[in-house]
Amino acid sequence: MRPGVLSGLVQNPTGTVQSDALGERRRKQPTVATAVTSTRSAAQSPVGTGGLAGRYATALYELAADRWKLDEVLPQADALARLIDESPQFAAVLQDTRLDIRDARKAVLAVIRQQGFGELITNFVGVVADNRRLPRLRQIMAAFAAVAAARRGEVSAEIVSAQPLTTAQRAQLQGKLAEAGYSRVVLQEHVDPEILGGLVVRVGPRLVDTSLQSRLVRLHYAMKGAA
């Protein structure tokens, strides 16, 4: 644990972790903004959680762990990802870079509060808005799921499909991933009608794109080359 981010716990001389409530010296509790800043210099990120989205995701995870809020934040992060996926209007606001930053922040946080998200998630989204990263919020939530999975010794697989997966399709996909060596895999499902059909599967740096959209693009270039 890095003391710059995880300030609610301290390491005692015997190597055991104790709470500062037991009498150890207190440290100033970090804010979401300082957590994001301090995570920029992280030495390594779990596979598939690097880059900007990974930095924000790691900051949120470590801040939630520091405040003993993981049980609250983990399901809320999943709920936020679903909200973005299932609400085209909300997703459009996130992606609209023409909006004034203050207007975008106000609109997004109004939805977040209306949906009943907790203080940590709300403040985190506010920092994302202040840093003009709202278009990346869905990616950050996917990276957060990957960070959480990695900390549990699991692998996060991002699945994009034109329609929600059925139970049978989900089981078949998990079976194929297990055959490929991913025995402890957590599926992060995302519906995108624009891929038309098929699947896009990303596990860490590996990407398998069997979408109908990609097939049509390849066919287009193949026909163009043959002309």
Protein backbone atom coordinates (compact mmCIF):
# COMPACT_ATOMS: atom_id res chain seq x y z
CA MET A 1 0.00 0.00 0.00
CA ARG A 2 1.30 3.44 -0.87
CA PRO A 3 1.11 5.92 2.05
CA GLY A 4 0.50 8.79 -0.35
CA VAL A 5 -2.94 7.38 -1.15
CA LEU A 6 -3.85 4.93 1.58
CA SER A 7 -3.75 7.21 4.59
CA GLY A 8 -6.41 5.57 6.76
CA LEU A 9 -4.07 2.67 7.56
CA VAL A 10 -0.50 2.79 8.85
CA GLN A 11 2.23 0.17 9.05
CA ASN A 12 3.54 -0.62 12.56
CA PRO A 13 7.12 -1.76 13.33
CA THR A 14 6.10 -5.44 13.42
CA GLY A 15 4.76 -5.28 9.89
CA THR A 16 1.09 -5.68 10.77
CA VAL A 17 -1.47 -3.18 9.53
CA GLN A 18 -3.36 -1.25 12.16
CA SER A 19 -6.02 1.46 12.02
CA ASP A 20 -5.12 4.99 13.05
CA ALA A 21 -8.19 4.80 15.32
CA LEU A 22 -6.13 2.55 17.63
CA GLY A 23 -3.82 5.38 18.58
CA GLU A 24 -1.32 5.70 15.73
CA ARG A 25 -0.61 9.14 14.39
CA ARG A 26 -3.31 10.48 12.09
CA ARG A 27 -2.68 11.52 8.54
CA LYS A 28 -4.67 13.90 6.45
CA GLN A 29 -7.30 11.97 4.50
CA PRO A 30 -6.76 12.37 0.75
CA THR A 31 -9.38 13.82 -1.53
CA VAL A 32 -10.38 12.32 -4.86
CA ALA A 33 -8.36 14.98 -6.68
CA THR A 34 -5.15 14.32 -4.73
CA ALA A 35 -5.60 10.57 -5.13
CA VAL A 36 -5.80 10.93 -8.91
CA THR A 37 -2.73 13.17 -8.92
CA SER A 38 -0.63 10.84 -6.75
CA THR A 39 -1.55 7.83 -8.88
CA ARG A 40 -0.01 9.41 -11.99
CA SER A 41 3.42 8.28 -10.85
CA ALA A 42 2.40 4.68 -10.09
CA ALA A 43 5.11 2.24 -11.11
CA GLN A 44 2.84 -0.44 -12.53
CA SER A 45 -0.84 -1.05 -13.22
CA PRO A 46 -2.61 -4.38 -13.56
CA VAL A 47 -2.76 -5.69 -17.12
CA GLY A 48 -5.34 -3.75 -19.12
CA THR A 49 -5.58 -0.88 -16.65
CA GLY A 50 -2.81 1.40 -17.84
CA GLY A 51 -3.08 4.85 -19.34
CA LEU A 52 -5.37 7.64 -18.26
CA ALA A 53 -8.38 5.43 -17.49
CA GLY A 54 -6.19 3.15 -15.39
CA ARG A 55 -4.80 6.04 -13.35
CA TYR A 56 -8.26 7.34 -12.50
CA ALA A 57 -9.55 3.84 -11.80
CA THR A 58 -6.63 3.00 -9.52
CA ALA A 59 -7.05 6.28 -7.65
CA LEU A 60 -10.74 5.55 -7.04
CA TYR A 61 -10.03 2.00 -5.91
CA GLU A 62 -7.29 2.97 -3.49
CA LEU A 63 -9.26 5.88 -2.09
CA ALA A 64 -12.27 3.60 -1.53
CA ALA A 65 -10.03 1.02 0.15
CA ASP A 66 -8.46 3.73 2.30
CA ARG A 67 -11.86 4.84 3.53
CA TRP A 68 -13.19 1.30 3.98
CA LYS A 69 -15.78 2.01 1.28
CA LEU A 70 -15.04 -0.75 -1.25
CA ASP A 71 -18.25 -2.65 -0.43
CA GLU A 72 -20.17 0.53 -1.27
CA VAL A 73 -18.14 1.74 -4.26
CA LEU A 74 -17.76 -1.56 -6.16
CA PRO A 75 -21.50 -2.05 -6.88
CA GLN A 76 -21.98 1.67 -7.47
CA ALA A 77 -19.22 1.68 -10.09
CA ASP A 78 -21.00 -1.20 -11.85
CA ALA A 79 -24.27 0.72 -11.61
CA LEU A 80 -22.65 3.82 -13.12
CA ALA A 81 -21.31 1.77 -16.03
CA ARG A 82 -24.80 0.35 -16.64
CA LEU A 83 -26.32 3.84 -16.45
CA ILE A 84 -23.98 5.04 -19.20
CA ASP A 85 -24.74 1.96 -21.31
CA GLU A 86 -28.49 2.09 -20.86
CA SER A 87 -29.12 5.85 -21.07
CA PRO A 88 -28.29 7.28 -24.51
CA GLN A 89 -29.16 10.79 -23.28
CA PHE A 90 -26.74 10.58 -20.35
CA ALA A 91 -24.03 9.09 -22.55
CA ALA A 92 -24.55 11.89 -25.08
CA VAL A 93 -23.97 14.54 -22.41
CA LEU A 94 -20.74 12.80 -21.37
CA GLN A 95 -19.50 12.76 -24.95
CA ASP A 96 -20.52 16.32 -25.88
CA THR A 97 -17.26 18.29 -25.76
CA ARG A 98 -19.07 21.43 -26.96
CA LEU A 99 -20.69 21.90 -23.56
CA ASP A 100 -19.18 24.40 -21.16
CA ILE A 101 -17.33 22.46 -18.46
CA ARG A 102 -19.49 23.99 -15.70
CA ASP A 103 -22.72 23.15 -17.52
CA ALA A 104 -21.58 19.60 -18.22
CA ARG A 105 -20.51 19.11 -14.60
CA LYS A 106 -23.81 20.45 -13.29
CA ALA A 107 -25.91 18.29 -15.62
CA VAL A 108 -23.96 15.09 -14.96
CA LEU A 109 -23.85 15.51 -11.19
CA ALA A 110 -27.59 16.23 -11.14
CA VAL A 111 -28.18 12.81 -12.70
CA ILE A 112 -25.66 11.15 -10.38
CA ARG A 113 -27.36 12.57 -7.29
CA GLN A 114 -30.83 11.79 -8.61
CA GLN A 115 -29.80 8.16 -9.06
CA GLY A 116 -28.67 7.98 -5.44
CA PHE A 117 -24.93 7.45 -5.86
CA GLY A 118 -22.79 7.87 -2.76
CA GLU A 119 -20.51 10.74 -1.86
CA LEU A 120 -17.28 9.11 -3.06
CA ILE A 121 -18.59 8.26 -6.53
CA THR A 122 -20.25 11.68 -6.81
CA ASN A 123 -17.06 13.52 -5.88
CA PHE A 124 -15.04 11.31 -8.21
CA VAL A 125 -17.30 12.12 -11.17
CA GLY A 126 -16.96 15.80 -10.25
CA VAL A 127 -13.16 15.55 -10.48
CA VAL A 128 -13.45 13.73 -13.81
CA ALA A 129 -15.65 16.58 -15.05
CA ASP A 130 -13.29 19.27 -13.74
CA ASN A 131 -10.42 17.59 -15.60
CA ARG A 132 -12.46 17.46 -18.83
CA ARG A 133 -12.42 13.67 -18.88
CA LEU A 134 -16.17 12.97 -18.95
CA PRO A 135 -15.93 11.36 -22.43
CA ARG A 136 -13.63 8.78 -20.82
CA LEU A 137 -15.89 8.01 -17.85
CA ARG A 138 -17.15 4.70 -19.28
CA GLN A 139 -13.57 3.59 -19.95
CA ILE A 140 -12.61 4.59 -16.43
CA MET A 141 -15.41 2.44 -15.00
CA ALA A 142 -14.26 -0.50 -17.13
CA ALA A 143 -10.71 0.03 -15.89
CA PHE A 144 -12.00 0.22 -12.31
CA ALA A 145 -13.62 -3.19 -12.72
CA ALA A 146 -10.33 -4.52 -14.09
CA VAL A 147 -8.38 -3.07 -11.15
CA ALA A 148 -10.83 -4.63 -8.67
CA ALA A 149 -10.62 -7.99 -10.45
CA ALA A 150 -6.82 -7.87 -10.50
CA ARG A 151 -6.69 -7.16 -6.77
CA ARG A 152 -8.84 -10.28 -6.24
CA GLY A 153 -6.54 -12.35 -8.45
CA GLU A 154 -9.07 -12.36 -11.27
CA VAL A 155 -8.93 -11.22 -14.90
CA SER A 156 -11.45 -8.75 -16.28
CA ALA A 157 -12.73 -9.36 -19.80
CA GLU A 158 -14.58 -6.52 -21.54
CA ILE A 159 -17.30 -7.89 -23.81
CA VAL A 160 -19.08 -5.70 -26.37
CA SER A 161 -22.16 -7.15 -28.05
CA ALA A 162 -24.95 -5.75 -30.22
CA GLN A 163 -27.55 -7.15 -27.81
CA PRO A 164 -27.37 -8.31 -24.18
CA LEU A 165 -25.83 -11.76 -23.83
CA THR A 166 -28.09 -14.66 -22.96
CA THR A 167 -27.23 -16.98 -20.08
CA ALA A 168 -26.19 -19.67 -22.57
CA GLN A 169 -23.98 -17.27 -24.54
CA ARG A 170 -22.36 -16.04 -21.33
CA ALA A 171 -21.61 -19.59 -20.18
CA GLN A 172 -20.21 -20.50 -23.61
CA LEU A 173 -17.98 -17.43 -23.62
CA GLN A 174 -16.68 -18.15 -20.12
CA GLY A 175 -15.94 -21.70 -21.21
CA LYS A 176 -13.93 -20.50 -24.21
CA LEU A 177 -11.99 -18.06 -22.04
CA ALA A 178 -11.25 -20.85 -19.55
CA GLU A 179 -9.90 -22.98 -22.42
CA ALA A 180 -7.63 -20.06 -23.32
CA GLY A 181 -6.19 -20.07 -19.80
CA TYR A 182 -8.41 -17.47 -18.13
CA SER A 183 -9.95 -19.61 -15.40
CA ARG A 184 -10.86 -16.76 -13.05
CA VAL A 185 -12.42 -14.27 -15.42
CA VAL A 186 -15.01 -11.58 -14.70
CA LEU A 187 -17.10 -10.44 -17.66
CA GLN A 188 -17.71 -6.71 -18.04
CA GLU A 189 -20.54 -6.57 -20.55
CA HIS A 190 -21.28 -3.57 -22.73
CA VAL A 191 -24.03 -3.30 -25.35
CA ASP A 192 -23.26 -1.34 -28.52
CA PRO A 193 -25.84 -1.74 -31.32
CA GLU A 194 -23.42 -0.14 -33.79
CA ILE A 195 -21.33 -3.32 -34.03
CA LEU A 196 -24.47 -4.91 -35.62
CA GLY A 197 -23.64 -8.45 -34.51
CA GLY A 198 -20.90 -10.71 -33.21
CA LEU A 199 -18.63 -9.81 -30.31
CA VAL A 200 -15.66 -7.67 -29.41
CA VAL A 201 -13.66 -9.26 -26.59
CA ARG A 202 -10.79 -7.53 -24.82
CA VAL A 203 -8.73 -9.23 -22.12
CA GLY A 204 -5.85 -7.02 -21.06
CA PRO A 205 -3.91 -6.09 -24.21
CA ARG A 206 -5.53 -8.86 -26.28
CA LEU A 207 -8.41 -7.91 -28.56
CA VAL A 208 -10.61 -10.27 -30.58
CA ASP A 209 -13.06 -8.49 -32.88
CA THR A 210 -15.64 -10.74 -34.54
CA SER A 211 -18.24 -7.99 -34.92
CA LEU A 212 -20.30 -7.76 -38.09
CA GLN A 213 -19.29 -4.11 -38.35
CA SER A 214 -15.59 -5.05 -38.57
CA ARG A 215 -16.34 -7.78 -41.10
CA LEU A 216 -18.20 -5.29 -43.29
CA VAL A 217 -15.31 -2.82 -43.04
CA ARG A 218 -12.83 -5.53 -44.06
CA LEU A 219 -15.10 -6.58 -46.92
CA HIS A 220 -15.36 -2.96 -48.07
CA TYR A 221 -11.59 -2.56 -48.24
CA ALA A 222 -11.19 -5.96 -49.88
CA MET A 223 -13.70 -5.04 -52.59
CA LYS A 224 -12.08 -1.64 -53.00
CA GLY A 225 -8.69 -3.26 -53.45
CA ALA A 226 -10.05 -5.70 -56.01
CA ALA A 227 -11.65 -2.94 -58.09
